[in-house]
Amino acid sequence: MLHRILIIGVFAAVALSTACSDRTPVNPTGDAALTAGPGPAQKPEKLARQFAKALRNPAFREYLKAQLDASPFREHKLQFQTFLGASGGRALRYLDADVEQEAKAAIALEVYFPVPAHRAAWTGDENILVATGITDRDVPVAFDPQGGRRLLDPDTPPETPVLALVPVETDFNAAPQRQTCVECGGGGGGGDPQPPPPAAPPAGLYMTKAHFVQDFEGWLKGAPEFEVHILGQKGQTDSLISYQCAGERQYGPYSFNQDDLDWSGSVLLFSKQQLDQYNSAHPGQNVRVFVVEDDDTPCTIKTDPDRFQKLVTAVDSAYRDLTAGNDSSSIVQRAYRYAKVAENVWEALASFFKSNDELVGNAVQDVIVGQFYPGFNWFVKGDNTITNGWINLVMY
């Protein structure tokens, strides 16, 4: 087996794609973050402990609860640094003097209740923990209002409500209604002007249903952020790149938000124009539909390159390299069907960066898998070719 390390670069095929900077730090061990400011390579444990201790003050708890309840963002999140400075720095009055500088030196953070039952149960009392972590695999480090430190079960949340202080996953610059209501219906009343009818969706490859066997997200990180990438050949090299990403932080027809194991709707994965351009530039090549659960940088695949290679190699080998797809439409019907991956591409790796995005898997058509799941036509195959989910792909 070849052991070349190849790069997958991610770029936008259309102007709708968004580039974001890397906020993912290296995860330290022990209590180092308690003795040094939480720089870009450290858990913000010191901030979490100071924040928890401030919750001894009833006035601060009342103010925090009001701000969380009023947040228009998904899961009632607050951008931590913005919250500290809001209302003339009101929150800072309850915190230690050095917190403001600590927060400025930290990575961008968000604060919220990742467990909905905790958010519903907390009445603003002192029965609360503040927990922090960087990746899904971290053991959450929590502090109570007296400053006591404890380690939580990474798989099961405690009964005590837990407020998470974790790296930002939310686009706080976007209009909140786009995050909470992508396709709201209903008409306006009282003579409100009606929006123009939506333009006809572009022709192309769409996903209409998705089901995954798990959410691939630790409970401290809240709801999952599933993304679907179209991977293809970079130029005439043997490297793969993501030509298009569909996900929560995308706009227009490429936007979909799956917060649970099941989703249905209509999201564009790759337009007919994009696919035609790709086929023209890469004759004989085909594209993969690849699913990830993103943690910090939307629509940028970052993962262990060895794991990516093993996953793709195993899936390609098990299914005779028929693990890609292309437009197979005829004058009778439109169809997206399996196609062969090129031998000089399947060895390509996802990234140099060892990070925490979860590789859900490579989509393989049901007729190639030799199994069928009602309502779906492509299996999502992960590590060791296990089935991590099913999706339904159609050409319109």
Protein backbone atom coordinates (compact mmCIF):
# COMPACT_ATOMS: atom_id res chain seq x y z
CA MET A 1 0.00 0.00 0.00
CA LEU A 2 1.22 3.42 -0.82
CA HIS A 3 1.78 5.68 2.20
CA ARG A 4 1.89 9.02 0.55
CA ILE A 5 0.31 11.85 2.48
CA LEU A 6 -1.82 13.87 0.13
CA ILE A 7 -3.75 17.01 0.85
CA ILE A 8 -7.40 17.70 0.47
CA GLY A 9 -7.91 21.43 0.11
CA VAL A 10 -11.34 22.85 0.54
CA PHE A 11 -12.57 25.67 -1.62
CA ALA A 12 -15.93 27.03 -2.61
CA ALA A 13 -17.28 26.10 -6.00
CA VAL A 14 -19.83 28.87 -5.76
CA ALA A 15 -19.94 32.22 -4.07
CA LEU A 16 -22.28 30.86 -1.45
CA SER A 17 -19.51 28.87 0.25
CA THR A 18 -17.93 30.47 3.30
CA ALA A 19 -14.32 30.29 4.46
CA CYS A 20 -13.56 30.28 8.16
CA SER A 21 -10.33 30.42 10.15
CA ASP A 22 -9.15 27.47 12.23
CA ARG A 23 -10.14 27.80 15.85
CA THR A 24 -9.33 24.23 16.87
CA PRO A 25 -6.62 24.08 19.55
CA VAL A 26 -4.46 21.24 20.72
CA ASN A 27 -5.97 19.67 23.82
CA PRO A 28 -3.67 19.90 26.89
CA THR A 29 -3.73 17.50 29.79
CA GLY A 30 -3.84 18.01 33.55
CA ASP A 31 -4.45 21.33 35.24
CA ALA A 32 -2.19 23.48 33.04
CA ALA A 33 -5.12 25.66 32.00
CA LEU A 34 -5.74 26.61 35.61
CA THR A 35 -2.28 28.11 36.04
CA ALA A 36 -1.93 29.87 32.72
CA GLY A 37 -4.21 32.02 30.63
CA PRO A 38 -6.31 30.01 28.17
CA GLY A 39 -4.41 30.65 24.99
CA PRO A 40 -5.25 29.04 21.65
CA ALA A 41 -3.79 25.69 22.72
CA GLN A 42 -5.51 25.34 26.10
CA LYS A 43 -8.84 24.43 27.60
CA PRO A 44 -10.46 27.50 29.17
CA GLU A 45 -10.60 25.88 32.62
CA LYS A 46 -9.62 29.02 34.47
CA LEU A 47 -12.43 30.96 32.83
CA ALA A 48 -14.89 28.15 33.55
CA ARG A 49 -13.98 28.13 37.24
CA GLN A 50 -14.22 31.91 37.58
CA PHE A 51 -17.54 31.91 35.74
CA ALA A 52 -18.89 29.17 38.01
CA LYS A 53 -17.80 31.02 41.16
CA ALA A 54 -19.61 34.16 39.97
CA LEU A 55 -22.82 32.10 39.94
CA ARG A 56 -22.88 32.27 43.73
CA ASN A 57 -24.32 35.75 43.23
CA PRO A 58 -28.13 35.67 42.76
CA ALA A 59 -28.09 38.86 40.71
CA PHE A 60 -25.60 37.38 38.25
CA ARG A 61 -27.60 34.17 37.94
CA GLU A 62 -30.74 36.21 37.24
CA TYR A 63 -28.96 38.27 34.59
CA LEU A 64 -27.41 35.22 32.93
CA LYS A 65 -30.70 33.33 32.82
CA ALA A 66 -32.48 36.29 31.25
CA GLN A 67 -29.81 36.58 28.55
CA LEU A 68 -29.87 32.85 27.81
CA ASP A 69 -33.66 32.79 27.62
CA ALA A 70 -33.67 35.77 25.27
CA SER A 71 -30.98 34.46 22.93
CA PRO A 72 -32.38 34.07 19.39
CA PHE A 73 -29.65 31.64 18.38
CA ARG A 74 -29.93 27.88 18.18
CA GLU A 75 -29.98 26.19 21.61
CA HIS A 76 -30.18 29.69 23.17
CA LYS A 77 -26.44 30.16 22.86
CA LEU A 78 -24.49 33.27 23.85
CA GLN A 79 -21.12 34.25 22.43
CA PHE A 80 -19.10 34.33 25.65
CA GLN A 81 -16.80 37.28 24.98
CA THR A 82 -19.69 39.35 23.62
CA PHE A 83 -21.83 38.50 26.65
CA LEU A 84 -19.11 39.70 29.01
CA GLY A 85 -18.91 43.09 27.30
CA ALA A 86 -22.65 43.62 26.74
CA SER A 87 -24.61 46.29 28.61
CA GLY A 88 -21.50 48.20 29.53
CA GLY A 89 -19.73 45.08 30.78
CA ARG A 90 -22.46 44.21 33.25
CA ALA A 91 -21.37 40.58 33.61
CA LEU A 92 -17.79 41.63 34.36
CA ARG A 93 -18.95 43.29 37.58
CA TYR A 94 -19.54 39.86 39.08
CA LEU A 95 -16.26 38.31 37.92
CA ASP A 96 -12.63 38.61 38.96
CA ALA A 97 -10.71 41.60 37.63
CA ASP A 98 -8.51 39.55 35.30
CA VAL A 99 -11.37 37.74 33.54
CA GLU A 100 -11.71 40.32 30.76
CA GLN A 101 -8.07 39.86 29.70
CA GLU A 102 -8.36 36.08 30.08
CA ALA A 103 -11.37 36.09 27.80
CA LYS A 104 -9.68 38.26 25.18
CA ALA A 105 -6.70 35.91 25.12
CA ALA A 106 -8.90 32.81 24.80
CA ILE A 107 -10.26 31.20 21.68
CA ALA A 108 -13.77 32.31 20.73
CA LEU A 109 -16.18 30.64 23.13
CA GLU A 110 -19.90 30.13 23.49
CA VAL A 111 -21.96 29.44 26.61
CA TYR A 112 -25.26 27.54 26.74
CA PHE A 113 -27.04 24.49 28.12
CA PRO A 114 -26.19 21.64 25.71
CA VAL A 115 -28.79 19.34 27.31
CA PRO A 116 -32.33 20.67 26.66
CA ALA A 117 -33.64 19.10 29.87
CA HIS A 118 -31.03 21.03 31.85
CA ARG A 119 -32.09 24.30 30.23
CA ALA A 120 -35.72 23.58 31.08
CA ALA A 121 -34.92 22.56 34.67
CA TRP A 122 -32.64 25.42 35.71
CA THR A 123 -34.63 28.08 37.52
CA GLY A 124 -31.70 30.40 38.19
CA ASP A 125 -30.65 28.72 41.43
CA GLU A 126 -27.20 27.71 42.62
CA ASN A 127 -27.64 24.07 41.59
CA ILE A 128 -25.52 24.35 38.47
CA LEU A 129 -22.14 23.35 37.05
CA VAL A 130 -19.98 25.08 34.44
CA ALA A 131 -18.13 22.57 32.26
CA THR A 132 -15.59 22.95 29.49
CA GLY A 133 -13.83 20.84 26.90
CA ILE A 134 -12.41 21.24 23.42
CA THR A 135 -13.26 18.09 21.47
CA ASP A 136 -16.02 15.50 21.53
CA ARG A 137 -13.58 13.03 23.06
CA ASP A 138 -12.63 15.25 25.99
CA VAL A 139 -13.67 14.32 29.50
CA PRO A 140 -15.67 17.41 30.54
CA VAL A 141 -14.04 19.38 33.34
CA ALA A 142 -16.70 20.99 35.53
CA PHE A 143 -16.75 23.52 38.37
CA ASP A 144 -19.44 24.22 40.94
CA PRO A 145 -20.21 27.72 42.32
CA GLN A 146 -17.80 27.09 45.20
CA GLY A 147 -14.97 26.52 42.71
CA GLY A 148 -14.79 22.76 43.24
CA ARG A 149 -13.43 20.86 40.24
CA ARG A 150 -14.76 17.52 39.04
CA LEU A 151 -14.62 15.31 35.95
CA LEU A 152 -17.87 14.35 34.26
CA ASP A 153 -18.82 11.27 32.29
CA PRO A 154 -18.22 12.14 28.62
CA ASP A 155 -21.04 9.82 27.52
CA THR A 156 -23.80 10.64 30.02
CA PRO A 157 -24.63 14.08 31.46
CA PRO A 158 -25.23 14.40 35.21
CA GLU A 159 -28.58 15.25 36.73
CA THR A 160 -27.26 18.64 37.84
CA PRO A 161 -27.76 21.25 35.09
CA VAL A 162 -24.52 21.87 33.20
CA LEU A 163 -23.67 25.14 31.49
CA ALA A 164 -21.10 24.53 28.74
CA LEU A 165 -18.22 26.90 27.99
CA VAL A 166 -16.85 25.52 24.73
CA PRO A 167 -15.34 26.66 21.41
CA VAL A 168 -17.74 28.52 19.14
CA GLU A 169 -19.70 26.44 16.65
CA THR A 170 -22.41 29.03 15.98
CA ASP A 171 -22.23 31.80 13.40
CA PHE A 172 -23.19 34.71 15.65
CA ASN A 173 -22.78 37.13 12.72
CA ALA A 174 -25.60 35.52 10.77
CA ALA A 175 -29.20 36.62 11.09
CA PRO A 176 -30.63 34.40 13.87
CA GLN A 177 -33.80 33.63 11.95
CA ARG A 178 -31.71 31.90 9.30
CA GLN A 179 -30.50 29.49 11.92
CA THR A 180 -33.79 28.82 13.61
CA CYS A 181 -36.17 28.99 10.67
CA VAL A 182 -34.67 28.22 7.27
CA GLU A 183 -37.94 27.63 5.48
CA CYS A 184 -40.61 29.24 7.66
CA GLY A 185 -44.08 29.26 6.23
CA GLY A 186 -47.19 31.21 7.08
CA GLY A 187 -48.43 34.54 5.85
CA GLY A 188 -48.19 37.96 7.41
CA GLY A 189 -51.20 39.74 8.81
CA GLY A 190 -52.49 43.26 8.90
CA GLY A 191 -51.43 44.13 5.39
CA ASP A 192 -47.75 43.22 5.87
CA PRO A 193 -45.93 43.07 2.54
CA GLN A 194 -45.54 39.53 1.24
CA PRO A 195 -42.13 38.29 0.10
CA PRO A 196 -41.73 37.47 -3.57
CA PRO A 197 -42.18 33.81 -4.49
CA PRO A 198 -38.95 31.81 -4.27
CA ALA A 199 -37.00 31.21 -7.42
CA ALA A 200 -37.16 27.74 -8.94
CA PRO A 201 -34.50 25.54 -7.37
CA PRO A 202 -31.53 24.80 -9.60
CA ALA A 203 -31.24 21.41 -11.25
CA GLY A 204 -28.78 19.07 -9.65
CA LEU A 205 -28.12 16.40 -7.05
CA TYR A 206 -30.33 16.69 -3.95
CA MET A 207 -30.57 14.88 -0.64
CA THR A 208 -34.15 14.44 0.55
CA LYS A 209 -33.75 12.21 3.61
CA ALA A 210 -31.02 11.25 6.06
CA HIS A 211 -30.84 8.89 9.00
CA PHE A 212 -27.75 8.23 11.11
CA VAL A 213 -27.26 5.60 13.80
CA GLN A 214 -25.71 8.08 16.25
CA ASP A 215 -25.12 11.83 16.45
CA PHE A 216 -21.30 11.63 16.64
CA GLU A 217 -21.36 14.56 19.09
CA GLY A 218 -20.49 14.49 22.77
CA TRP A 219 -23.31 15.76 25.00
CA LEU A 220 -21.22 18.77 26.11
CA LYS A 221 -21.08 20.01 22.51
CA GLY A 222 -24.87 20.02 22.09
CA ALA A 223 -26.63 19.22 18.83
CA PRO A 224 -24.67 17.68 15.94
CA GLU A 225 -23.56 19.58 12.85
CA PHE A 226 -23.86 17.13 9.96
CA GLU A 227 -22.34 18.19 6.63
CA VAL A 228 -22.35 16.55 3.22
CA HIS A 229 -19.32 17.12 1.01
CA ILE A 230 -18.86 16.45 -2.69
CA LEU A 231 -15.28 15.18 -3.05
CA GLY A 232 -13.52 15.05 -6.39
CA GLN A 233 -10.18 15.16 -8.11
CA LYS A 234 -8.08 18.27 -7.64
CA GLY A 235 -6.92 19.35 -11.09
CA GLN A 236 -5.10 16.42 -12.67
CA THR A 237 -3.47 15.34 -9.42
CA ASP A 238 -4.19 12.38 -7.17
CA SER A 239 -5.47 14.63 -4.39
CA LEU A 240 -9.10 15.07 -3.40
CA ILE A 241 -10.81 18.35 -2.64
CA SER A 242 -14.30 19.28 -1.53
CA TYR A 243 -16.06 20.94 -4.42
CA GLN A 244 -19.22 21.75 -2.47
CA CYS A 245 -20.47 21.47 1.08
CA ALA A 246 -24.05 21.40 2.29
CA GLY A 247 -24.71 22.09 5.95
CA GLU A 248 -26.13 24.26 8.68
CA ARG A 249 -23.78 27.19 8.06
CA GLN A 250 -24.41 27.31 4.31
CA TYR A 251 -27.01 29.53 2.68
CA GLY A 252 -29.52 29.17 -0.10
CA PRO A 253 -30.21 25.71 -1.51
CA TYR A 254 -27.09 24.25 0.18
CA SER A 255 -28.42 24.90 3.69
CA PHE A 256 -29.87 22.18 5.90
CA ASN A 257 -29.82 21.66 9.65
CA GLN A 258 -29.99 18.15 11.10
CA ASP A 259 -30.12 18.29 14.90
CA ASP A 260 -31.35 14.74 15.36
CA LEU A 261 -30.77 11.30 13.89
CA ASP A 262 -33.45 11.86 11.24
CA TRP A 263 -33.92 14.63 8.70
CA SER A 264 -36.15 15.13 5.67
CA GLY A 265 -36.48 17.99 3.27
CA SER A 266 -34.63 19.04 0.13
CA VAL A 267 -31.05 20.27 0.08
CA LEU A 268 -28.88 20.77 -2.97
CA LEU A 269 -25.56 18.94 -2.78
CA PHE A 270 -24.15 19.71 -6.25
CA SER A 271 -25.83 21.66 -9.03
CA LYS A 272 -26.14 20.26 -12.55
CA GLN A 273 -23.95 23.12 -13.74
CA GLN A 274 -21.26 22.25 -11.19
CA LEU A 275 -21.43 18.58 -12.13
CA ASP A 276 -21.20 19.32 -15.85
CA GLN A 277 -18.21 21.59 -15.27
CA TYR A 278 -16.53 18.94 -13.16
CA ASN A 279 -17.09 16.22 -15.78
CA SER A 280 -15.73 18.48 -18.50
CA ALA A 281 -12.58 19.26 -16.53
CA HIS A 282 -12.14 15.69 -15.21
CA PRO A 283 -13.14 13.21 -17.94
CA GLY A 284 -13.43 9.70 -16.62
CA GLN A 285 -13.49 10.86 -13.00
CA ASN A 286 -16.46 10.78 -10.64
CA VAL A 287 -17.41 12.36 -7.34
CA ARG A 288 -17.89 10.99 -3.84
CA VAL A 289 -20.68 11.96 -1.45
CA PHE A 290 -19.01 12.09 1.96
CA VAL A 291 -20.65 12.87 5.31
CA VAL A 292 -18.89 14.40 8.33
CA GLU A 293 -19.99 15.69 11.71
CA ASP A 294 -18.25 19.04 12.01
CA ASP A 295 -17.05 20.46 15.31
CA ASP A 296 -15.50 23.89 14.92
CA THR A 297 -14.80 25.06 11.38
CA PRO A 298 -17.85 24.66 9.14
CA CYS A 299 -17.43 23.06 5.73
CA THR A 300 -13.74 22.35 6.29
CA ILE A 301 -12.84 18.69 6.74
CA LYS A 302 -10.20 18.25 9.43
CA THR A 303 -9.42 14.82 10.74
CA ASP A 304 -6.75 12.21 11.35
CA PRO A 305 -5.34 11.51 7.85
CA ASP A 306 -4.53 7.89 8.72
CA ARG A 307 -8.12 7.27 9.71
CA PHE A 308 -9.42 8.85 6.50
CA GLN A 309 -7.14 6.66 4.40
CA LYS A 310 -8.15 3.48 6.18
CA LEU A 311 -11.84 4.31 5.90
CA VAL A 312 -11.78 5.12 2.20
CA THR A 313 -9.48 2.22 1.33
CA ALA A 314 -11.69 -0.28 3.17
CA VAL A 315 -14.90 1.00 1.59
CA ASP A 316 -13.44 1.08 -1.93
CA SER A 317 -12.01 -2.41 -1.54
CA ALA A 318 -15.23 -3.88 -0.17
CA TYR A 319 -17.36 -2.46 -2.97
CA ARG A 320 -15.03 -2.88 -5.98
CA ASP A 321 -14.27 0.86 -6.20
CA LEU A 322 -17.92 1.54 -7.08
CA THR A 323 -18.10 4.11 -4.30
CA ALA A 324 -18.57 7.29 -6.30
CA GLY A 325 -21.43 8.54 -8.42
CA ASN A 326 -22.41 10.70 -11.35
CA ASP A 327 -25.34 11.97 -13.37
CA SER A 328 -26.92 9.02 -15.20
CA SER A 329 -29.95 10.87 -16.48
CA SER A 330 -31.64 9.94 -19.73
CA ILE A 331 -34.44 11.42 -21.75
CA VAL A 332 -36.77 9.13 -19.78
CA GLN A 333 -35.66 9.85 -16.23
CA ARG A 334 -33.18 11.79 -14.17
CA ALA A 335 -30.92 9.64 -12.02
CA TYR A 336 -27.75 9.77 -9.95
CA ARG A 337 -26.14 6.34 -9.90
CA TYR A 338 -23.00 4.64 -8.72
CA ALA A 339 -19.77 5.07 -10.65
CA LYS A 340 -16.20 3.88 -10.30
CA VAL A 341 -13.54 5.86 -8.49
CA ALA A 342 -10.24 6.32 -10.28
CA GLU A 343 -7.38 4.22 -8.91
CA ASN A 344 -5.05 7.21 -8.66
CA VAL A 345 -7.48 9.11 -6.43
CA TRP A 346 -8.76 6.66 -3.83
CA GLU A 347 -5.55 6.82 -1.80
CA ALA A 348 -5.88 10.56 -1.20
CA LEU A 349 -6.10 11.82 2.36
CA ALA A 350 -8.37 14.42 3.89
CA SER A 351 -5.99 16.75 5.66
CA PHE A 352 -2.65 17.36 7.32
CA PHE A 353 -4.45 18.43 10.47
CA LYS A 354 -5.25 15.97 13.21
CA SER A 355 -8.47 17.46 14.46
CA ASN A 356 -11.83 16.42 15.80
CA ASP A 357 -14.26 16.24 12.88
CA GLU A 358 -16.03 12.88 12.87
CA LEU A 359 -15.94 10.93 9.62
CA VAL A 360 -19.47 9.57 9.31
CA GLY A 361 -18.72 7.91 6.01
CA ASN A 362 -18.66 7.53 2.24
CA ALA A 363 -22.01 7.04 0.49
CA VAL A 364 -22.40 3.79 -1.50
CA GLN A 365 -25.51 3.03 -3.57
CA ASP A 366 -27.75 0.28 -2.21
CA VAL A 367 -27.47 -1.90 -5.33
CA ILE A 368 -23.72 -2.03 -4.80
CA VAL A 369 -24.04 -2.77 -1.09
CA GLY A 370 -26.53 -5.50 -1.94
CA GLN A 371 -28.93 -4.40 0.78
CA PHE A 372 -31.95 -2.11 0.81
CA TYR A 373 -33.39 0.21 3.44
CA PRO A 374 -36.95 1.51 2.87
CA GLY A 375 -37.05 5.14 1.77
CA PHE A 376 -33.30 5.45 1.19
CA ASN A 377 -31.04 4.53 -1.70
CA TRP A 378 -27.47 5.14 -0.51
CA PHE A 379 -25.71 3.64 2.55
CA VAL A 380 -23.20 5.76 4.51
CA LYS A 381 -20.22 3.49 5.19
CA GLY A 382 -17.77 4.43 7.94
CA ASP A 383 -14.76 2.83 9.63
CA ASN A 384 -14.38 -0.86 8.80
CA THR A 385 -17.28 -0.46 6.33
CA ILE A 386 -19.84 -0.32 9.13
CA THR A 387 -23.13 1.32 8.22
CA ASN A 388 -23.42 4.67 9.98
CA GLY A 389 -26.55 5.78 8.19
CA TRP A 390 -28.65 6.02 5.09
CA ILE A 391 -29.42 8.93 2.75
CA ASN A 392 -31.73 9.40 -0.20
CA LEU A 393 -30.17 11.03 -3.28
CA VAL A 394 -32.12 12.22 -6.33
CA MET A 395 -31.41 14.22 -9.45
CA TYR A 396 -33.83 17.03 -10.25
